[in-house]
Amino acid sequence: LAALVVVLLGAGVGVWALTRGSGEDGDQAAPSTSAPASTTPADTLAVGDTAVVNGTTFTLQAIESDDTCQGNAYNAVAEFFASSDCTALERSLWSAEAAGLPAVVSFSRVTMPDVGNAQALRALADTDGSGNVSDLLREGVRYDGGPTELSGAEYASAQTGPTVTIVETAWAGDEGADSALDGLASAALSLGEVDGS
């Protein structure tokens, strides 16, 4: 298995992560910061590759890319894409441990035509009850040891230029503290680019 090591950038460079509990209808928490990571070219990623962020090993379980977000979102976020489609959508599922318990990480990177649309997408996706980009579990993708859906998920997002990164984390078995999933979601923002090609 090839190893993908994600190196965090120096201090002073921050990405604001807005976290919320229980998936799309949880309570919103205060913003937290996370440094962005340098990335390895996306076309080199394959199922089974690993990334290490803040001492946590993430293993790539599934990966897909698309050139549209239409049909790949739900609720108000789907309505947004009906009038303001993305130019690229990269989604993946990663397995990791949080506080010693198995968890799933849904990673979505959405490239919009411009910064204004990216800001609007992030603001909408960060709003409880607005829906989201469909994670791969929602679309029927499975992996050994993984859950069938994101249940009680924690959320984090970031934006760089026209690109919005959305992460959701959930337990893949026994459940631990929400704070462990929250920390995992913030760390996963640094997974870098993914591509299903």
N, C-alpha and C. Protein backbone atom coordinates (compact mmCIF):
# COMPACT_ATOMS: atom_id res chain seq x y z
N LEU A 1 0.84 -1.20 0.00
CA LEU A 1 0.00 0.00 0.00
C LEU A 1 0.88 1.25 0.00
N ALA A 2 0.53 2.14 -0.85
CA ALA A 2 1.27 3.39 -0.92
C ALA A 2 0.85 4.28 0.24
N ALA A 3 1.77 5.00 0.79
CA ALA A 3 1.44 5.89 1.90
C ALA A 3 1.43 7.33 1.41
N LEU A 4 0.43 8.05 1.81
CA LEU A 4 0.30 9.46 1.47
C LEU A 4 0.44 10.22 2.78
N VAL A 5 1.51 10.97 2.92
CA VAL A 5 1.74 11.71 4.15
C VAL A 5 1.36 13.16 3.93
N VAL A 6 0.46 13.63 4.71
CA VAL A 6 -0.02 14.99 4.60
C VAL A 6 0.76 15.85 5.58
N VAL A 7 1.42 16.87 5.08
CA VAL A 7 2.25 17.74 5.90
C VAL A 7 1.51 19.04 6.15
N LEU A 8 1.31 19.36 7.39
CA LEU A 8 0.59 20.59 7.73
C LEU A 8 1.46 21.80 7.50
N LEU A 9 0.88 22.86 7.01
CA LEU A 9 1.60 24.10 6.78
C LEU A 9 1.90 24.78 8.10
N GLY A 10 2.82 25.73 8.06
CA GLY A 10 3.28 26.42 9.26
C GLY A 10 2.19 27.18 9.98
N ALA A 11 2.52 27.62 11.18
CA ALA A 11 1.57 28.36 12.02
C ALA A 11 1.19 29.66 11.33
N GLY A 12 0.04 30.14 11.66
CA GLY A 12 -0.43 31.40 11.11
C GLY A 12 -1.34 31.24 9.91
N VAL A 13 -1.32 30.07 9.31
CA VAL A 13 -2.22 29.81 8.19
C VAL A 13 -3.36 28.98 8.74
N GLY A 14 -4.55 29.50 8.71
CA GLY A 14 -5.68 28.79 9.32
C GLY A 14 -6.84 28.62 8.37
N VAL A 15 -7.58 27.60 8.60
CA VAL A 15 -8.84 27.36 7.90
C VAL A 15 -9.92 27.31 8.95
N TRP A 16 -10.94 28.11 8.78
CA TRP A 16 -12.03 28.07 9.75
C TRP A 16 -12.91 26.87 9.46
N ALA A 17 -13.14 26.10 10.48
CA ALA A 17 -14.02 24.93 10.35
C ALA A 17 -15.24 25.19 11.20
N LEU A 18 -16.39 25.15 10.60
CA LEU A 18 -17.63 25.32 11.33
C LEU A 18 -18.15 23.93 11.63
N THR A 19 -18.33 23.65 12.90
CA THR A 19 -18.76 22.30 13.26
C THR A 19 -20.18 22.32 13.75
N ARG A 20 -20.85 21.19 13.53
CA ARG A 20 -22.20 21.02 14.03
C ARG A 20 -22.37 19.56 14.36
N GLY A 21 -23.20 19.27 15.29
CA GLY A 21 -23.40 17.88 15.71
C GLY A 21 -24.59 17.25 15.02
N SER A 22 -24.65 15.95 15.12
CA SER A 22 -25.78 15.14 14.65
C SER A 22 -26.14 15.40 13.19
N GLY A 23 -25.13 15.44 12.32
CA GLY A 23 -25.41 15.57 10.90
C GLY A 23 -26.06 16.90 10.56
N GLU A 24 -27.14 16.85 9.79
CA GLU A 24 -27.72 18.07 9.25
C GLU A 24 -28.64 18.80 10.21
N ASP A 25 -29.01 18.18 11.33
CA ASP A 25 -29.94 18.87 12.21
C ASP A 25 -29.44 18.96 13.64
N GLY A 26 -28.13 18.98 13.82
CA GLY A 26 -27.56 19.10 15.16
C GLY A 26 -27.39 20.54 15.56
N ASP A 27 -26.91 20.74 16.77
CA ASP A 27 -26.66 22.07 17.27
C ASP A 27 -25.34 22.57 16.72
N GLN A 28 -25.30 23.84 16.40
CA GLN A 28 -24.10 24.43 15.84
C GLN A 28 -23.14 24.80 16.95
N ALA A 29 -21.87 24.46 16.78
CA ALA A 29 -20.84 24.77 17.77
C ALA A 29 -20.04 25.97 17.29
N ALA A 30 -19.18 26.47 18.16
CA ALA A 30 -18.33 27.59 17.81
C ALA A 30 -17.32 27.17 16.75
N PRO A 31 -16.89 28.11 15.89
CA PRO A 31 -15.91 27.78 14.87
C PRO A 31 -14.60 27.34 15.50
N SER A 32 -13.90 26.43 14.83
CA SER A 32 -12.58 26.02 15.26
C SER A 32 -11.64 26.21 14.10
N THR A 33 -10.32 26.17 14.35
CA THR A 33 -9.36 26.36 13.28
C THR A 33 -8.61 25.08 13.01
N SER A 34 -8.18 24.95 11.77
CA SER A 34 -7.38 23.83 11.34
C SER A 34 -6.50 24.31 10.21
N ALA A 35 -5.24 23.93 10.20
CA ALA A 35 -4.34 24.36 9.14
C ALA A 35 -4.52 23.50 7.91
N PRO A 36 -4.48 24.11 6.72
CA PRO A 36 -4.61 23.33 5.50
C PRO A 36 -3.35 22.50 5.26
N ALA A 37 -3.46 21.50 4.45
CA ALA A 37 -2.34 20.62 4.18
C ALA A 37 -1.83 20.81 2.77
N SER A 38 -0.56 20.47 2.58
CA SER A 38 -0.08 20.37 1.22
C SER A 38 -0.67 19.09 0.66
N THR A 39 -0.75 19.00 -0.64
CA THR A 39 -1.43 17.84 -1.22
C THR A 39 -0.53 17.09 -2.17
N THR A 40 -0.82 15.83 -2.31
CA THR A 40 -0.18 14.99 -3.31
C THR A 40 -1.11 14.96 -4.50
N PRO A 41 -0.59 14.89 -5.73
CA PRO A 41 -1.49 14.87 -6.89
C PRO A 41 -2.59 13.83 -6.74
N ALA A 42 -3.82 14.28 -6.99
CA ALA A 42 -4.99 13.45 -6.74
C ALA A 42 -5.00 12.18 -7.58
N ASP A 43 -4.46 12.24 -8.79
CA ASP A 43 -4.53 11.07 -9.65
C ASP A 43 -3.67 9.91 -9.16
N THR A 44 -2.88 10.13 -8.11
CA THR A 44 -2.06 9.05 -7.58
C THR A 44 -2.76 8.30 -6.46
N LEU A 45 -3.93 8.76 -6.01
CA LEU A 45 -4.64 8.10 -4.92
C LEU A 45 -5.38 6.86 -5.41
N ALA A 46 -5.35 5.82 -4.56
CA ALA A 46 -6.07 4.59 -4.86
C ALA A 46 -6.61 4.02 -3.56
N VAL A 47 -7.68 3.24 -3.66
CA VAL A 47 -8.25 2.59 -2.48
C VAL A 47 -7.13 1.83 -1.78
N GLY A 48 -7.06 2.01 -0.46
CA GLY A 48 -6.02 1.39 0.35
C GLY A 48 -4.90 2.34 0.71
N ASP A 49 -4.78 3.47 0.01
CA ASP A 49 -3.77 4.46 0.35
C ASP A 49 -4.08 5.05 1.72
N THR A 50 -3.05 5.55 2.38
CA THR A 50 -3.24 6.14 3.70
C THR A 50 -2.71 7.57 3.73
N ALA A 51 -3.26 8.34 4.65
CA ALA A 51 -2.80 9.70 4.92
C ALA A 51 -2.72 9.84 6.43
N VAL A 52 -1.69 10.51 6.91
CA VAL A 52 -1.54 10.74 8.34
C VAL A 52 -1.69 12.23 8.61
N VAL A 53 -2.65 12.58 9.46
CA VAL A 53 -2.91 13.97 9.83
C VAL A 53 -2.97 14.04 11.35
N ASN A 54 -2.15 14.88 11.94
CA ASN A 54 -2.14 15.05 13.40
C ASN A 54 -2.04 13.72 14.14
N GLY A 55 -1.27 12.78 13.60
CA GLY A 55 -1.08 11.49 14.25
C GLY A 55 -2.18 10.47 13.98
N THR A 56 -3.22 10.85 13.25
CA THR A 56 -4.31 9.92 12.92
C THR A 56 -4.09 9.39 11.51
N THR A 57 -4.18 8.07 11.35
CA THR A 57 -4.05 7.45 10.04
C THR A 57 -5.43 7.28 9.42
N PHE A 58 -5.59 7.83 8.23
CA PHE A 58 -6.82 7.71 7.44
C PHE A 58 -6.53 6.74 6.30
N THR A 59 -7.42 5.77 6.07
CA THR A 59 -7.26 4.82 4.97
C THR A 59 -8.37 5.03 3.96
N LEU A 60 -7.99 5.24 2.70
CA LEU A 60 -8.96 5.48 1.64
C LEU A 60 -9.73 4.19 1.34
N GLN A 61 -11.07 4.26 1.44
CA GLN A 61 -11.93 3.09 1.22
C GLN A 61 -12.71 3.16 -0.09
N ALA A 62 -13.02 4.36 -0.56
CA ALA A 62 -13.78 4.53 -1.80
C ALA A 62 -13.52 5.93 -2.32
N ILE A 63 -13.60 6.09 -3.64
CA ILE A 63 -13.31 7.38 -4.24
C ILE A 63 -14.09 7.51 -5.55
N GLU A 64 -14.66 8.68 -5.79
CA GLU A 64 -15.40 8.97 -7.03
C GLU A 64 -15.23 10.43 -7.39
N SER A 65 -15.27 10.72 -8.68
CA SER A 65 -15.29 12.13 -9.10
C SER A 65 -16.35 12.31 -10.18
N ASP A 66 -16.81 13.54 -10.30
CA ASP A 66 -17.88 13.86 -11.24
C ASP A 66 -17.66 15.28 -11.74
N ASP A 67 -18.26 15.62 -12.87
CA ASP A 67 -18.14 16.97 -13.38
C ASP A 67 -19.42 17.79 -13.15
N THR A 68 -20.31 17.25 -12.32
CA THR A 68 -21.54 17.97 -11.96
C THR A 68 -21.92 17.64 -10.52
N CYS A 69 -22.58 18.58 -9.88
CA CYS A 69 -23.14 18.33 -8.55
C CYS A 69 -24.63 18.05 -8.63
N GLN A 70 -25.22 18.28 -9.80
CA GLN A 70 -26.65 18.01 -9.97
C GLN A 70 -26.88 16.51 -9.86
N GLY A 71 -27.83 16.14 -9.01
CA GLY A 71 -28.10 14.74 -8.74
C GLY A 71 -27.21 14.15 -7.67
N ASN A 72 -26.30 14.95 -7.12
CA ASN A 72 -25.37 14.48 -6.09
C ASN A 72 -25.49 15.29 -4.80
N ALA A 73 -26.69 15.77 -4.52
CA ALA A 73 -26.94 16.56 -3.32
C ALA A 73 -28.40 16.40 -2.94
N TYR A 74 -28.78 16.92 -1.77
CA TYR A 74 -30.16 16.80 -1.34
C TYR A 74 -30.62 18.07 -0.63
N ASN A 75 -31.94 18.23 -0.57
CA ASN A 75 -32.61 19.37 0.07
C ASN A 75 -32.19 20.69 -0.57
N ALA A 76 -32.03 21.74 0.23
CA ALA A 76 -31.74 23.07 -0.32
C ALA A 76 -30.42 23.12 -1.08
N VAL A 77 -29.46 22.30 -0.69
CA VAL A 77 -28.18 22.27 -1.41
C VAL A 77 -28.41 21.76 -2.84
N ALA A 78 -29.28 20.77 -3.01
CA ALA A 78 -29.62 20.28 -4.36
C ALA A 78 -30.27 21.39 -5.17
N GLU A 79 -31.16 22.17 -4.55
CA GLU A 79 -31.80 23.29 -5.24
C GLU A 79 -30.76 24.33 -5.66
N PHE A 80 -29.78 24.58 -4.80
CA PHE A 80 -28.70 25.52 -5.13
C PHE A 80 -27.97 25.06 -6.39
N PHE A 81 -27.62 23.77 -6.45
CA PHE A 81 -26.89 23.25 -7.61
C PHE A 81 -27.73 23.25 -8.88
N ALA A 82 -29.05 23.26 -8.77
CA ALA A 82 -29.91 23.31 -9.96
C ALA A 82 -29.71 24.62 -10.72
N SER A 83 -29.35 25.69 -10.00
CA SER A 83 -29.14 26.98 -10.66
C SER A 83 -27.68 27.41 -10.69
N SER A 84 -26.84 26.78 -9.87
CA SER A 84 -25.41 27.14 -9.79
C SER A 84 -24.60 25.86 -9.67
N ASP A 85 -24.45 25.14 -10.77
CA ASP A 85 -23.76 23.85 -10.72
C ASP A 85 -22.26 24.03 -10.48
N CYS A 86 -21.66 23.01 -9.91
CA CYS A 86 -20.22 23.00 -9.71
C CYS A 86 -19.52 22.63 -11.02
N THR A 87 -18.21 22.80 -11.07
CA THR A 87 -17.43 22.39 -12.23
C THR A 87 -16.71 21.07 -11.97
N ALA A 88 -16.59 20.68 -10.70
CA ALA A 88 -15.97 19.40 -10.34
C ALA A 88 -16.44 18.98 -8.96
N LEU A 89 -16.64 17.68 -8.78
CA LEU A 89 -17.03 17.12 -7.49
C LEU A 89 -16.17 15.89 -7.25
N GLU A 90 -15.44 15.90 -6.15
CA GLU A 90 -14.58 14.78 -5.77
C GLU A 90 -15.02 14.32 -4.39
N ARG A 91 -15.39 13.04 -4.28
CA ARG A 91 -15.87 12.51 -3.01
C ARG A 91 -15.13 11.23 -2.67
N SER A 92 -14.94 11.03 -1.37
CA SER A 92 -14.27 9.81 -0.93
C SER A 92 -14.76 9.42 0.46
N LEU A 93 -14.54 8.16 0.78
CA LEU A 93 -14.77 7.63 2.12
C LEU A 93 -13.44 7.14 2.66
N TRP A 94 -13.15 7.51 3.89
CA TRP A 94 -11.93 7.10 4.57
C TRP A 94 -12.31 6.43 5.88
N SER A 95 -11.54 5.47 6.31
CA SER A 95 -11.71 4.90 7.64
C SER A 95 -10.58 5.43 8.52
N ALA A 96 -10.88 5.58 9.79
CA ALA A 96 -9.91 6.08 10.76
C ALA A 96 -10.39 5.67 12.14
N GLU A 97 -9.59 5.98 13.15
CA GLU A 97 -10.02 5.77 14.53
C GLU A 97 -10.07 7.11 15.23
N ALA A 98 -11.07 7.26 16.09
CA ALA A 98 -11.20 8.44 16.94
C ALA A 98 -11.34 7.92 18.36
N ALA A 99 -10.46 8.33 19.23
CA ALA A 99 -10.46 7.87 20.62
C ALA A 99 -10.44 6.33 20.68
N GLY A 100 -9.72 5.70 19.74
CA GLY A 100 -9.57 4.26 19.74
C GLY A 100 -10.73 3.48 19.15
N LEU A 101 -11.74 4.18 18.62
CA LEU A 101 -12.92 3.52 18.05
C LEU A 101 -12.98 3.76 16.54
N PRO A 102 -13.46 2.77 15.76
CA PRO A 102 -13.52 2.94 14.31
C PRO A 102 -14.56 3.97 13.89
N ALA A 103 -14.17 4.77 12.90
CA ALA A 103 -15.04 5.82 12.38
C ALA A 103 -14.92 5.88 10.87
N VAL A 104 -15.93 6.47 10.24
CA VAL A 104 -15.91 6.73 8.81
C VAL A 104 -15.82 8.23 8.59
N VAL A 105 -15.10 8.61 7.56
CA VAL A 105 -14.95 10.01 7.18
C VAL A 105 -15.44 10.17 5.75
N SER A 106 -16.44 11.02 5.57
CA SER A 106 -16.91 11.37 4.24
C SER A 106 -16.26 12.69 3.87
N PHE A 107 -15.51 12.70 2.77
CA PHE A 107 -14.76 13.87 2.32
C PHE A 107 -15.31 14.29 0.96
N SER A 108 -15.75 15.53 0.83
CA SER A 108 -16.24 16.06 -0.45
C SER A 108 -15.51 17.35 -0.77
N ARG A 109 -15.01 17.45 -1.98
CA ARG A 109 -14.38 18.68 -2.45
C ARG A 109 -15.17 19.15 -3.67
N VAL A 110 -15.74 20.35 -3.55
CA VAL A 110 -16.61 20.91 -4.59
C VAL A 110 -15.92 22.14 -5.19
N THR A 111 -15.71 22.13 -6.50
CA THR A 111 -15.14 23.29 -7.17
C THR A 111 -16.27 24.01 -7.90
N MET A 112 -16.45 25.27 -7.52
CA MET A 112 -17.49 26.11 -8.11
C MET A 112 -16.87 26.99 -9.20
N PRO A 113 -17.70 27.59 -10.06
CA PRO A 113 -17.16 28.43 -11.14
C PRO A 113 -16.43 29.67 -10.64
N ASP A 114 -16.77 30.15 -9.43
CA ASP A 114 -16.14 31.36 -8.91
C ASP A 114 -16.24 31.39 -7.38
N VAL A 115 -15.53 32.33 -6.79
CA VAL A 115 -15.46 32.46 -5.34
C VAL A 115 -16.83 32.79 -4.74
N GLY A 116 -17.60 33.65 -5.39
CA GLY A 116 -18.92 34.03 -4.87
C GLY A 116 -19.84 32.83 -4.71
N ASN A 117 -19.87 31.97 -5.72
CA ASN A 117 -20.70 30.76 -5.61
C ASN A 117 -20.17 29.80 -4.55
N ALA A 118 -18.86 29.75 -4.40
CA ALA A 118 -18.28 28.90 -3.36
C ALA A 118 -18.68 29.40 -1.97
N GLN A 119 -18.62 30.71 -1.77
CA GLN A 119 -19.04 31.28 -0.49
C GLN A 119 -20.51 30.99 -0.22
N ALA A 120 -21.34 31.12 -1.24
CA ALA A 120 -22.78 30.86 -1.08
C ALA A 120 -23.03 29.39 -0.75
N LEU A 121 -22.33 28.48 -1.43
CA LEU A 121 -22.48 27.06 -1.15
C LEU A 121 -22.07 26.74 0.28
N ARG A 122 -20.92 27.23 0.71
CA ARG A 122 -20.46 26.92 2.06
C ARG A 122 -21.44 27.46 3.10
N ALA A 123 -21.91 28.68 2.92
CA ALA A 123 -22.86 29.26 3.87
C ALA A 123 -24.13 28.42 3.95
N LEU A 124 -24.61 27.95 2.81
CA LEU A 124 -25.81 27.12 2.79
C LEU A 124 -25.55 25.76 3.44
N ALA A 125 -24.47 25.09 3.06
CA ALA A 125 -24.17 23.76 3.61
C ALA A 125 -23.91 23.82 5.11
N ASP A 126 -23.38 24.95 5.59
CA ASP A 126 -23.11 25.12 7.02
C ASP A 126 -24.37 25.37 7.83
N THR A 127 -25.50 25.58 7.17
CA THR A 127 -26.76 25.85 7.85
C THR A 127 -27.47 24.54 8.18
N ASP A 128 -27.77 24.34 9.45
CA ASP A 128 -28.46 23.12 9.88
C ASP A 128 -29.77 22.94 9.11
N GLY A 129 -30.02 21.70 8.67
CA GLY A 129 -31.26 21.37 8.00
C GLY A 129 -31.31 21.71 6.52
N SER A 130 -30.20 22.23 5.96
CA SER A 130 -30.20 22.67 4.56
C SER A 130 -29.88 21.56 3.57
N GLY A 131 -29.50 20.40 4.07
CA GLY A 131 -29.04 19.34 3.18
C GLY A 131 -27.55 19.46 2.98
N ASN A 132 -27.05 18.77 1.96
CA ASN A 132 -25.60 18.73 1.77
C ASN A 132 -25.31 18.08 0.43
N VAL A 133 -24.03 18.03 0.09
CA VAL A 133 -23.57 17.16 -0.98
C VAL A 133 -23.79 15.74 -0.49
N SER A 134 -24.28 14.86 -1.34
CA SER A 134 -24.53 13.47 -0.91
C SER A 134 -23.22 12.75 -0.67
N ASP A 135 -23.08 12.21 0.54
CA ASP A 135 -21.90 11.39 0.82
C ASP A 135 -22.04 10.08 0.07
N LEU A 136 -20.94 9.37 -0.12
CA LEU A 136 -20.97 8.13 -0.90
C LEU A 136 -21.78 7.03 -0.23
N LEU A 137 -21.86 7.02 1.10
CA LEU A 137 -22.71 6.03 1.78
C LEU A 137 -24.17 6.25 1.39
N ARG A 138 -24.59 7.50 1.35
CA ARG A 138 -25.97 7.84 0.96
C ARG A 138 -26.26 7.34 -0.45
N GLU A 139 -25.23 7.28 -1.29
CA GLU A 139 -25.40 6.85 -2.67
C GLU A 139 -25.16 5.35 -2.85
N GLY A 140 -25.05 4.62 -1.73
CA GLY A 140 -24.98 3.16 -1.80
C GLY A 140 -23.60 2.56 -1.83
N VAL A 141 -22.55 3.36 -1.73
CA VAL A 141 -21.19 2.82 -1.70
C VAL A 141 -20.94 2.20 -0.33
N ARG A 142 -20.33 1.04 -0.30
CA ARG A 142 -20.03 0.34 0.95
C ARG A 142 -18.58 -0.13 0.95
N TYR A 143 -18.04 -0.35 2.16
CA TYR A 143 -16.73 -0.98 2.30
C TYR A 143 -16.77 -1.87 3.54
N ASP A 144 -15.92 -2.90 3.57
CA ASP A 144 -15.90 -3.84 4.69
C ASP A 144 -15.63 -3.11 6.00
N GLY A 145 -16.49 -3.35 6.99
CA GLY A 145 -16.33 -2.73 8.29
C GLY A 145 -16.95 -1.35 8.40
N GLY A 146 -17.48 -0.84 7.30
CA GLY A 146 -18.06 0.50 7.31
C GLY A 146 -19.54 0.47 7.60
N PRO A 147 -20.09 1.60 8.04
CA PRO A 147 -21.53 1.69 8.29
C PRO A 147 -22.29 1.84 6.97
N THR A 148 -23.60 1.72 7.04
CA THR A 148 -24.43 1.90 5.84
C THR A 148 -24.87 3.34 5.67
N GLU A 149 -24.71 4.15 6.72
CA GLU A 149 -25.08 5.56 6.65
C GLU A 149 -24.31 6.34 7.69
N LEU A 150 -24.28 7.66 7.51
CA LEU A 150 -23.70 8.54 8.52
C LEU A 150 -24.77 8.79 9.57
N SER A 151 -24.55 8.32 10.77
CA SER A 151 -25.52 8.49 11.85
C SER A 151 -24.86 9.26 12.98
N GLY A 152 -25.51 10.33 13.43
CA GLY A 152 -24.94 11.15 14.50
C GLY A 152 -23.65 11.82 14.06
N ALA A 153 -23.59 12.23 12.81
CA ALA A 153 -22.35 12.74 12.22
C ALA A 153 -21.95 14.11 12.76
N GLU A 154 -20.65 14.33 12.78
CA GLU A 154 -20.07 15.65 13.05
C GLU A 154 -19.63 16.23 11.71
N TYR A 155 -19.51 17.53 11.61
CA TYR A 155 -19.36 18.24 10.35
C TYR A 155 -18.27 19.29 10.46
N ALA A 156 -17.53 19.48 9.38
CA ALA A 156 -16.57 20.58 9.27
C ALA A 156 -16.51 21.00 7.81
N SER A 157 -16.21 22.26 7.57
CA SER A 157 -16.08 22.74 6.20
C SER A 157 -14.97 23.78 6.12
N ALA A 158 -14.49 23.98 4.91
CA ALA A 158 -13.47 24.99 4.65
C ALA A 158 -13.65 25.47 3.22
N GLN A 159 -13.15 26.66 2.94
CA GLN A 159 -13.19 27.20 1.58
C GLN A 159 -11.86 27.82 1.25
N THR A 160 -11.36 27.51 0.07
CA THR A 160 -10.17 28.15 -0.48
C THR A 160 -10.49 28.54 -1.91
N GLY A 161 -10.58 29.83 -2.17
CA GLY A 161 -10.94 30.30 -3.50
C GLY A 161 -12.28 29.72 -3.92
N PRO A 162 -12.36 29.12 -5.12
CA PRO A 162 -13.63 28.58 -5.60
C PRO A 162 -13.93 27.16 -5.11
N THR A 163 -13.10 26.65 -4.20
CA THR A 163 -13.24 25.26 -3.75
C THR A 163 -13.75 25.18 -2.32
N VAL A 164 -14.78 24.36 -2.12
CA VAL A 164 -15.35 24.13 -0.79
C VAL A 164 -15.08 22.67 -0.42
N THR A 165 -14.54 22.46 0.77
CA THR A 165 -14.32 21.12 1.30
C THR A 165 -15.33 20.87 2.41
N ILE A 166 -16.01 19.74 2.33
CA ILE A 166 -17.03 19.37 3.32
C ILE A 166 -16.68 17.99 3.87
N VAL A 167 -16.61 17.89 5.19
CA VAL A 167 -16.28 16.63 5.85
C VAL A 167 -17.38 16.29 6.84
N GLU A 168 -17.77 15.02 6.85
CA GLU A 168 -18.67 14.50 7.89
C GLU A 168 -18.04 13.23 8.44
N THR A 169 -18.11 13.06 9.76
CA THR A 169 -17.56 11.88 10.40
C THR A 169 -18.64 11.21 11.24
N ALA A 170 -18.59 9.89 11.32
CA ALA A 170 -19.56 9.13 12.12
C ALA A 170 -18.87 7.87 12.62
N TRP A 171 -19.44 7.29 13.65
CA TRP A 171 -18.91 6.04 14.20
C TRP A 171 -19.23 4.90 13.24
N ALA A 172 -18.30 3.94 13.15
CA ALA A 172 -18.48 2.77 12.29
C ALA A 172 -18.80 1.53 13.11
N GLY A 173 -19.05 1.71 14.38
CA GLY A 173 -19.35 0.60 15.29
C GLY A 173 -19.74 1.20 16.63
N ASP A 174 -19.04 0.76 17.69
CA ASP A 174 -19.29 1.34 19.01
C ASP A 174 -19.11 2.84 18.96
N GLU A 175 -19.95 3.55 19.71
CA GLU A 175 -19.91 5.01 19.69
C GLU A 175 -19.12 5.57 20.86
N GLY A 176 -18.39 6.63 20.58
CA GLY A 176 -17.65 7.35 21.59
C GLY A 176 -18.20 8.76 21.72
N ALA A 177 -17.38 9.65 22.23
CA ALA A 177 -17.79 11.03 22.47
C ALA A 177 -17.89 11.81 21.16
N ASP A 178 -18.89 12.69 21.07
CA ASP A 178 -19.04 13.56 19.90
C ASP A 178 -17.78 14.39 19.67
N SER A 179 -17.11 14.79 20.76
CA SER A 179 -15.91 15.62 20.63
C SER A 179 -14.80 14.89 19.87
N ALA A 180 -14.73 13.56 19.98
CA ALA A 180 -13.72 12.80 19.24
C ALA A 180 -14.02 12.84 17.74
N LEU A 181 -15.30 12.70 17.38
CA LEU A 181 -15.68 12.80 15.97
C LEU A 181 -15.46 14.21 15.44
N ASP A 182 -15.73 15.21 16.27
CA ASP A 182 -15.54 16.60 15.88
C ASP A 182 -14.07 16.86 15.56
N GLY A 183 -13.18 16.38 16.42
CA GLY A 183 -11.74 16.53 16.18
C GLY A 183 -11.30 15.81 14.92
N LEU A 184 -11.87 14.63 14.67
CA LEU A 184 -11.56 13.87 13.46
C LEU A 184 -12.01 14.63 12.22
N ALA A 185 -13.20 15.24 12.27
CA ALA A 185 -13.70 16.02 11.13
C ALA A 185 -12.79 17.20 10.83
N SER A 186 -12.36 17.91 11.86
CA SER A 186 -11.47 19.05 11.66
C SER A 186 -10.14 18.60 11.05
N ALA A 187 -9.59 17.49 11.55
CA ALA A 187 -8.33 16.97 11.00
C ALA A 187 -8.50 16.54 9.55
N ALA A 188 -9.64 15.94 9.23
CA ALA A 188 -9.87 15.41 7.88
C ALA A 188 -9.96 16.50 6.82
N LEU A 189 -10.20 17.75 7.23
CA LEU A 189 -10.18 18.84 6.25
C LEU A 189 -8.83 18.89 5.54
N SER A 190 -7.79 18.37 6.17
CA SER A 190 -6.44 18.41 5.62
C SER A 190 -6.09 17.21 4.75
N LEU A 191 -7.07 16.39 4.39
CA LEU A 191 -6.76 15.20 3.59
C LEU A 191 -6.28 15.52 2.19
N GLY A 192 -6.54 16.72 1.72
CA GLY A 192 -6.04 17.09 0.40
C GLY A 192 -7.00 16.71 -0.71
N GLU A 193 -6.55 16.88 -1.92
CA GLU A 193 -7.41 16.62 -3.08
C GLU A 193 -7.59 15.13 -3.30
N VAL A 194 -8.79 14.78 -3.73
CA VAL A 194 -9.09 13.41 -4.13
C VAL A 194 -9.69 13.44 -5.51
N ASP A 195 -9.56 12.36 -6.23
CA ASP A 195 -10.06 12.31 -7.61
C ASP A 195 -10.32 10.87 -7.96
N GLY A 196 -11.47 10.61 -8.53
CA GLY A 196 -11.83 9.26 -8.88
C GLY A 196 -11.31 8.79 -10.22
N SER A 197 -10.49 9.58 -10.89
CA SER A 197 -10.02 9.15 -12.20
C SER A 197 -8.77 8.31 -12.11
